[in-house]
Amino acid sequence: MRELPDVDCRLRRLERSHRVFTAALVALSVTLLVAWVRPATQPKVVRARRIQLVDAADRVRIDLRHDSTETGLFIADDAEDTRIGVAQFAHGGGGVALHGPGGRGAVVLYLKRDGSLTVYDTTGVVVVRVPAVTP
């Protein structure tokens, strides 16, 4: 008769495990049902005057902005220097600029009435300009 208390103990443990498993299953089922029934709400339009995408260190990596002087998209590197800029300015001109590290050197495609493509060296001196500027 020594086996009966052991069987009784095992039966109680099994019943307790069954209750815990059943409760967990019910909780999971309710969670899945709520997630399935509730529609995923996503706005069709996001409106803002400025949007900044930041990295894990909270540095601005992409800046999309509109103000009285320009509408532009600017992409920055690890040092937070603008490396790519696309802008339309209030005075009517606009363009795309690729900047070197630290803002040294650039290639700028610009359009206001006539277009131009200008390449600057790391000291800021124009090395190529199309069309060429005549004095």
N, C-alpha and C. Protein backbone atom coordinates (compact mmCIF):
# COMPACT_ATOMS: atom_id res chain seq x y z
N MET A 1 0.81 -1.19 0.00
CA MET A 1 0.00 0.00 0.00
C MET A 1 0.85 1.26 0.00
N ARG A 2 2.10 1.12 -0.02
CA ARG A 2 3.00 2.25 -0.05
C ARG A 2 2.88 3.03 -1.37
N GLU A 3 2.45 2.41 -2.45
CA GLU A 3 2.38 3.05 -3.75
C GLU A 3 1.22 4.03 -3.85
N LEU A 4 0.18 3.89 -3.07
CA LEU A 4 -0.99 4.76 -3.18
C LEU A 4 -0.68 6.23 -2.88
N PRO A 5 0.03 6.56 -1.79
CA PRO A 5 0.33 7.99 -1.59
C PRO A 5 1.16 8.57 -2.73
N ASP A 6 2.05 7.79 -3.27
CA ASP A 6 2.88 8.26 -4.38
C ASP A 6 2.02 8.53 -5.61
N VAL A 7 1.08 7.66 -5.89
CA VAL A 7 0.18 7.82 -7.03
C VAL A 7 -0.72 9.03 -6.79
N ASP A 8 -1.19 9.21 -5.55
CA ASP A 8 -2.05 10.34 -5.22
C ASP A 8 -1.30 11.66 -5.42
N CYS A 9 -0.04 11.72 -5.02
CA CYS A 9 0.79 12.92 -5.19
C CYS A 9 1.01 13.22 -6.67
N ARG A 10 1.29 12.19 -7.42
CA ARG A 10 1.50 12.37 -8.86
C ARG A 10 0.23 12.83 -9.56
N LEU A 11 -0.91 12.31 -9.11
CA LEU A 11 -2.19 12.70 -9.70
C LEU A 11 -2.49 14.18 -9.42
N ARG A 12 -2.20 14.65 -8.19
CA ARG A 12 -2.40 16.06 -7.85
C ARG A 12 -1.50 16.96 -8.71
N ARG A 13 -0.22 16.56 -8.87
CA ARG A 13 0.68 17.34 -9.71
C ARG A 13 0.20 17.39 -11.15
N LEU A 14 -0.28 16.29 -11.66
CA LEU A 14 -0.79 16.23 -13.03
C LEU A 14 -2.01 17.13 -13.19
N GLU A 15 -2.91 17.11 -12.23
CA GLU A 15 -4.10 17.96 -12.30
C GLU A 15 -3.71 19.44 -12.22
N ARG A 16 -2.74 19.79 -11.38
CA ARG A 16 -2.28 21.18 -11.27
C ARG A 16 -1.64 21.62 -12.60
N SER A 17 -0.81 20.77 -13.17
CA SER A 17 -0.18 21.08 -14.47
C SER A 17 -1.23 21.26 -15.55
N HIS A 18 -2.26 20.42 -15.51
CA HIS A 18 -3.33 20.52 -16.50
C HIS A 18 -4.07 21.85 -16.36
N ARG A 19 -4.34 22.32 -15.12
CA ARG A 19 -5.01 23.60 -14.91
C ARG A 19 -4.15 24.76 -15.42
N VAL A 20 -2.84 24.73 -15.13
CA VAL A 20 -1.94 25.79 -15.60
C VAL A 20 -1.88 25.81 -17.13
N PHE A 21 -1.76 24.64 -17.73
CA PHE A 21 -1.71 24.54 -19.19
C PHE A 21 -3.01 25.06 -19.81
N THR A 22 -4.15 24.69 -19.21
CA THR A 22 -5.44 25.14 -19.73
C THR A 22 -5.58 26.65 -19.62
N ALA A 23 -5.16 27.24 -18.50
CA ALA A 23 -5.22 28.70 -18.32
C ALA A 23 -4.33 29.40 -19.34
N ALA A 24 -3.13 28.88 -19.56
CA ALA A 24 -2.23 29.49 -20.53
C ALA A 24 -2.81 29.39 -21.94
N LEU A 25 -3.41 28.27 -22.27
CA LEU A 25 -4.01 28.07 -23.58
C LEU A 25 -5.18 29.03 -23.79
N VAL A 26 -6.00 29.22 -22.77
CA VAL A 26 -7.13 30.16 -22.87
C VAL A 26 -6.60 31.59 -23.05
N ALA A 27 -5.58 31.99 -22.28
CA ALA A 27 -5.01 33.33 -22.39
C ALA A 27 -4.44 33.57 -23.79
N LEU A 28 -3.72 32.59 -24.31
CA LEU A 28 -3.15 32.71 -25.65
C LEU A 28 -4.25 32.80 -26.70
N SER A 29 -5.30 32.01 -26.55
CA SER A 29 -6.40 32.03 -27.51
C SER A 29 -7.11 33.37 -27.51
N VAL A 30 -7.33 33.94 -26.33
CA VAL A 30 -7.99 35.24 -26.23
C VAL A 30 -7.11 36.32 -26.87
N THR A 31 -5.81 36.28 -26.60
CA THR A 31 -4.89 37.25 -27.18
C THR A 31 -4.89 37.17 -28.70
N LEU A 32 -4.81 35.98 -29.24
CA LEU A 32 -4.83 35.80 -30.70
C LEU A 32 -6.16 36.24 -31.30
N LEU A 33 -7.26 35.95 -30.62
CA LEU A 33 -8.57 36.35 -31.12
C LEU A 33 -8.71 37.86 -31.15
N VAL A 34 -8.26 38.54 -30.09
CA VAL A 34 -8.33 40.00 -30.06
C VAL A 34 -7.46 40.60 -31.15
N ALA A 35 -6.26 40.06 -31.34
CA ALA A 35 -5.36 40.58 -32.39
C ALA A 35 -5.95 40.35 -33.78
N TRP A 36 -6.65 39.26 -33.97
CA TRP A 36 -7.23 38.94 -35.27
C TRP A 36 -8.46 39.79 -35.56
N VAL A 37 -9.30 40.01 -34.53
CA VAL A 37 -10.54 40.75 -34.71
C VAL A 37 -10.28 42.24 -34.86
N ARG A 38 -9.33 42.79 -34.09
CA ARG A 38 -9.05 44.22 -34.13
C ARG A 38 -8.31 44.55 -35.42
N PRO A 39 -8.85 45.41 -36.25
CA PRO A 39 -8.15 45.75 -37.50
C PRO A 39 -6.88 46.55 -37.23
N ALA A 40 -5.88 46.30 -38.04
CA ALA A 40 -4.63 47.07 -37.94
C ALA A 40 -4.92 48.46 -38.50
N THR A 41 -4.81 49.47 -37.67
CA THR A 41 -5.11 50.82 -38.12
C THR A 41 -3.83 51.52 -38.52
N GLN A 42 -3.76 51.90 -39.76
CA GLN A 42 -2.63 52.64 -40.27
C GLN A 42 -3.18 53.89 -40.96
N PRO A 43 -2.61 55.01 -40.63
CA PRO A 43 -3.12 56.22 -41.28
C PRO A 43 -2.81 56.19 -42.78
N LYS A 44 -3.73 56.71 -43.56
CA LYS A 44 -3.52 56.76 -45.00
C LYS A 44 -2.61 57.91 -45.39
N VAL A 45 -2.58 58.94 -44.53
CA VAL A 45 -1.75 60.11 -44.80
C VAL A 45 -1.07 60.51 -43.50
N VAL A 46 0.22 60.76 -43.58
CA VAL A 46 0.95 61.30 -42.43
C VAL A 46 1.31 62.73 -42.80
N ARG A 47 0.93 63.66 -41.93
CA ARG A 47 1.19 65.07 -42.21
C ARG A 47 2.07 65.65 -41.12
N ALA A 48 3.10 66.34 -41.55
CA ALA A 48 4.01 67.00 -40.61
C ALA A 48 4.79 68.06 -41.36
N ARG A 49 5.26 69.06 -40.65
CA ARG A 49 6.09 70.09 -41.26
C ARG A 49 7.53 69.62 -41.38
N ARG A 50 7.91 68.69 -40.52
CA ARG A 50 9.28 68.18 -40.54
C ARG A 50 9.27 66.75 -40.02
N ILE A 51 10.06 65.91 -40.67
CA ILE A 51 10.21 64.52 -40.23
C ILE A 51 11.69 64.23 -40.14
N GLN A 52 12.12 63.69 -39.01
CA GLN A 52 13.52 63.32 -38.83
C GLN A 52 13.59 61.84 -38.48
N LEU A 53 14.47 61.13 -39.18
CA LEU A 53 14.75 59.74 -38.87
C LEU A 53 16.06 59.72 -38.11
N VAL A 54 16.06 59.14 -36.91
CA VAL A 54 17.25 59.13 -36.08
C VAL A 54 17.75 57.70 -35.90
N ASP A 55 19.06 57.57 -35.60
CA ASP A 55 19.63 56.25 -35.36
C ASP A 55 19.53 55.91 -33.88
N ALA A 56 20.13 54.80 -33.49
CA ALA A 56 20.07 54.32 -32.11
C ALA A 56 20.71 55.30 -31.13
N ALA A 57 21.65 56.12 -31.61
CA ALA A 57 22.31 57.12 -30.76
C ALA A 57 21.58 58.46 -30.80
N ASP A 58 20.38 58.49 -31.38
CA ASP A 58 19.55 59.68 -31.49
C ASP A 58 20.15 60.77 -32.38
N ARG A 59 21.03 60.37 -33.32
CA ARG A 59 21.57 61.31 -34.29
C ARG A 59 20.64 61.36 -35.50
N VAL A 60 20.39 62.57 -36.00
CA VAL A 60 19.52 62.72 -37.16
C VAL A 60 20.25 62.17 -38.38
N ARG A 61 19.64 61.21 -39.04
CA ARG A 61 20.24 60.60 -40.23
C ARG A 61 19.53 61.05 -41.50
N ILE A 62 18.23 61.27 -41.42
CA ILE A 62 17.46 61.79 -42.56
C ILE A 62 16.57 62.91 -42.04
N ASP A 63 16.61 64.03 -42.73
CA ASP A 63 15.82 65.19 -42.33
C ASP A 63 14.98 65.61 -43.52
N LEU A 64 13.68 65.50 -43.41
CA LEU A 64 12.75 65.91 -44.45
C LEU A 64 12.02 67.12 -43.91
N ARG A 65 12.20 68.27 -44.58
CA ARG A 65 11.64 69.48 -43.99
C ARG A 65 11.11 70.45 -45.05
N HIS A 66 10.23 71.31 -44.57
CA HIS A 66 9.69 72.38 -45.39
C HIS A 66 9.58 73.62 -44.50
N ASP A 67 10.13 74.72 -44.97
CA ASP A 67 10.00 75.99 -44.26
C ASP A 67 9.94 77.11 -45.29
N SER A 68 10.09 78.34 -44.84
CA SER A 68 9.94 79.48 -45.76
C SER A 68 11.08 79.58 -46.77
N THR A 69 12.20 78.89 -46.53
CA THR A 69 13.35 79.01 -47.44
C THR A 69 13.50 77.83 -48.39
N GLU A 70 13.03 76.65 -47.97
CA GLU A 70 13.25 75.47 -48.81
C GLU A 70 12.34 74.32 -48.43
N THR A 71 12.24 73.40 -49.37
CA THR A 71 11.66 72.09 -49.11
C THR A 71 12.77 71.12 -49.49
N GLY A 72 13.18 70.28 -48.55
CA GLY A 72 14.32 69.44 -48.85
C GLY A 72 14.38 68.14 -48.09
N LEU A 73 15.20 67.28 -48.62
CA LEU A 73 15.51 65.98 -48.01
C LEU A 73 17.02 65.93 -47.87
N PHE A 74 17.49 65.70 -46.65
CA PHE A 74 18.92 65.71 -46.38
C PHE A 74 19.30 64.43 -45.65
N ILE A 75 20.36 63.77 -46.13
CA ILE A 75 20.83 62.52 -45.54
C ILE A 75 22.21 62.76 -44.95
N ALA A 76 22.38 62.38 -43.68
CA ALA A 76 23.63 62.65 -42.97
C ALA A 76 24.41 61.36 -42.71
N ASP A 77 25.72 61.52 -42.51
CA ASP A 77 26.58 60.37 -42.20
C ASP A 77 26.73 60.21 -40.69
N ASP A 78 27.65 59.33 -40.26
CA ASP A 78 27.86 59.07 -38.84
C ASP A 78 28.30 60.32 -38.07
N ALA A 79 28.97 61.25 -38.74
CA ALA A 79 29.44 62.48 -38.09
C ALA A 79 28.36 63.57 -38.12
N GLU A 80 27.17 63.22 -38.62
CA GLU A 80 26.04 64.14 -38.74
C GLU A 80 26.27 65.24 -39.77
N ASP A 81 27.18 64.99 -40.71
CA ASP A 81 27.40 65.91 -41.82
C ASP A 81 26.45 65.53 -42.96
N THR A 82 25.83 66.53 -43.57
CA THR A 82 24.95 66.25 -44.70
C THR A 82 25.79 65.73 -45.85
N ARG A 83 25.44 64.55 -46.34
CA ARG A 83 26.17 63.95 -47.46
C ARG A 83 25.37 64.02 -48.75
N ILE A 84 24.05 63.98 -48.63
CA ILE A 84 23.18 64.08 -49.80
C ILE A 84 22.08 65.08 -49.47
N GLY A 85 21.88 66.02 -50.37
CA GLY A 85 20.81 67.00 -50.19
C GLY A 85 20.02 67.16 -51.46
N VAL A 86 18.72 67.17 -51.33
CA VAL A 86 17.83 67.41 -52.46
C VAL A 86 16.89 68.51 -52.00
N ALA A 87 16.89 69.64 -52.70
CA ALA A 87 16.09 70.76 -52.21
C ALA A 87 15.49 71.56 -53.35
N GLN A 88 14.34 72.15 -53.05
CA GLN A 88 13.70 73.15 -53.91
C GLN A 88 13.63 74.41 -53.06
N PHE A 89 14.29 75.47 -53.52
CA PHE A 89 14.39 76.69 -52.74
C PHE A 89 13.26 77.66 -53.05
N ALA A 90 12.97 78.55 -52.10
CA ALA A 90 11.89 79.52 -52.25
C ALA A 90 12.14 80.46 -53.42
N HIS A 91 13.39 80.73 -53.77
CA HIS A 91 13.71 81.64 -54.87
C HIS A 91 13.51 80.99 -56.24
N GLY A 92 13.09 79.72 -56.26
CA GLY A 92 12.77 79.06 -57.52
C GLY A 92 13.78 78.06 -58.01
N GLY A 93 14.99 78.09 -57.49
CA GLY A 93 16.00 77.13 -57.90
C GLY A 93 15.90 75.86 -57.07
N GLY A 94 16.49 74.82 -57.60
CA GLY A 94 16.49 73.55 -56.88
C GLY A 94 17.59 72.66 -57.38
N GLY A 95 17.90 71.63 -56.62
CA GLY A 95 18.94 70.75 -57.09
C GLY A 95 19.24 69.59 -56.16
N VAL A 96 20.30 68.90 -56.54
CA VAL A 96 20.79 67.74 -55.80
C VAL A 96 22.27 67.96 -55.55
N ALA A 97 22.71 67.71 -54.31
CA ALA A 97 24.12 67.88 -53.98
C ALA A 97 24.63 66.64 -53.27
N LEU A 98 25.80 66.19 -53.69
CA LEU A 98 26.51 65.09 -53.02
C LEU A 98 27.73 65.71 -52.39
N HIS A 99 27.84 65.61 -51.07
CA HIS A 99 28.95 66.25 -50.35
C HIS A 99 29.94 65.21 -49.86
N GLY A 100 31.21 65.61 -49.80
CA GLY A 100 32.25 64.75 -49.27
C GLY A 100 32.23 64.75 -47.75
N PRO A 101 33.06 63.91 -47.14
CA PRO A 101 33.12 63.85 -45.68
C PRO A 101 33.49 65.21 -45.09
N GLY A 102 32.81 65.59 -44.02
CA GLY A 102 33.09 66.87 -43.39
C GLY A 102 32.68 68.06 -44.22
N GLY A 103 31.88 67.85 -45.24
CA GLY A 103 31.46 68.95 -46.10
C GLY A 103 32.52 69.40 -47.07
N ARG A 104 33.60 68.63 -47.22
CA ARG A 104 34.69 69.00 -48.13
C ARG A 104 34.49 68.28 -49.46
N GLY A 105 34.38 69.07 -50.49
CA GLY A 105 34.16 68.52 -51.83
C GLY A 105 32.68 68.29 -52.06
N ALA A 106 32.26 68.48 -53.30
CA ALA A 106 30.85 68.29 -53.61
C ALA A 106 30.65 68.20 -55.11
N VAL A 107 29.53 67.61 -55.48
CA VAL A 107 29.03 67.63 -56.85
C VAL A 107 27.60 68.14 -56.74
N VAL A 108 27.33 69.22 -57.47
CA VAL A 108 26.02 69.87 -57.35
C VAL A 108 25.36 69.97 -58.72
N LEU A 109 24.16 69.44 -58.82
CA LEU A 109 23.32 69.57 -60.00
C LEU A 109 22.25 70.58 -59.63
N TYR A 110 22.21 71.72 -60.35
CA TYR A 110 21.34 72.82 -59.95
C TYR A 110 20.54 73.30 -61.14
N LEU A 111 19.29 73.69 -60.89
CA LEU A 111 18.45 74.19 -61.97
C LEU A 111 17.64 75.39 -61.49
N LYS A 112 17.87 76.52 -62.15
CA LYS A 112 17.02 77.71 -62.04
C LYS A 112 17.16 78.40 -63.39
N ARG A 113 16.12 78.34 -64.17
CA ARG A 113 16.16 78.74 -65.58
C ARG A 113 17.13 77.86 -66.35
N ASP A 114 18.43 78.09 -66.24
CA ASP A 114 19.44 77.25 -66.89
C ASP A 114 19.98 76.27 -65.85
N GLY A 115 20.35 75.11 -66.31
CA GLY A 115 20.90 74.11 -65.41
C GLY A 115 22.41 74.14 -65.38
N SER A 116 22.97 73.56 -64.32
CA SER A 116 24.42 73.46 -64.24
C SER A 116 24.81 72.24 -63.42
N LEU A 117 26.01 71.78 -63.69
CA LEU A 117 26.62 70.71 -62.93
C LEU A 117 27.99 71.23 -62.50
N THR A 118 28.22 71.28 -61.19
CA THR A 118 29.47 71.85 -60.67
C THR A 118 30.13 70.84 -59.74
N VAL A 119 31.45 70.70 -59.89
CA VAL A 119 32.23 69.83 -59.02
C VAL A 119 33.20 70.72 -58.25
N TYR A 120 33.19 70.58 -56.92
CA TYR A 120 34.08 71.35 -56.04
C TYR A 120 35.12 70.39 -55.45
N ASP A 121 36.36 70.86 -55.31
CA ASP A 121 37.36 70.02 -54.65
C ASP A 121 37.22 70.19 -53.14
N THR A 122 38.10 69.54 -52.38
CA THR A 122 37.98 69.55 -50.92
C THR A 122 38.27 70.91 -50.29
N THR A 123 38.80 71.85 -51.08
CA THR A 123 39.03 73.20 -50.55
C THR A 123 37.92 74.17 -50.97
N GLY A 124 36.97 73.69 -51.74
CA GLY A 124 35.87 74.54 -52.17
C GLY A 124 36.07 75.20 -53.52
N VAL A 125 37.15 74.89 -54.20
CA VAL A 125 37.44 75.47 -55.51
C VAL A 125 36.68 74.67 -56.58
N VAL A 126 36.06 75.40 -57.52
CA VAL A 126 35.36 74.75 -58.63
C VAL A 126 36.37 74.13 -59.57
N VAL A 127 36.26 72.82 -59.78
CA VAL A 127 37.18 72.15 -60.70
C VAL A 127 36.53 71.82 -62.03
N VAL A 128 35.21 71.69 -62.04
CA VAL A 128 34.47 71.45 -63.29
C VAL A 128 33.13 72.15 -63.15
N ARG A 129 32.72 72.79 -64.25
CA ARG A 129 31.39 73.37 -64.29
C ARG A 129 30.86 73.22 -65.69
N VAL A 130 29.68 72.67 -65.80
CA VAL A 130 29.03 72.50 -67.10
C VAL A 130 27.65 73.14 -67.00
N PRO A 131 27.29 74.08 -67.82
CA PRO A 131 28.14 74.69 -68.81
C PRO A 131 29.21 75.56 -68.15
N ALA A 132 30.30 75.74 -68.83
CA ALA A 132 31.40 76.53 -68.30
C ALA A 132 30.97 77.99 -68.18
N VAL A 133 31.42 78.62 -67.13
CA VAL A 133 31.12 80.04 -66.92
C VAL A 133 32.12 80.86 -67.71
N THR A 134 31.61 81.77 -68.52
CA THR A 134 32.51 82.64 -69.28
C THR A 134 32.56 84.01 -68.60
N PRO A 135 33.77 84.56 -68.46
CA PRO A 135 33.91 85.86 -67.78
C PRO A 135 33.35 87.00 -68.58
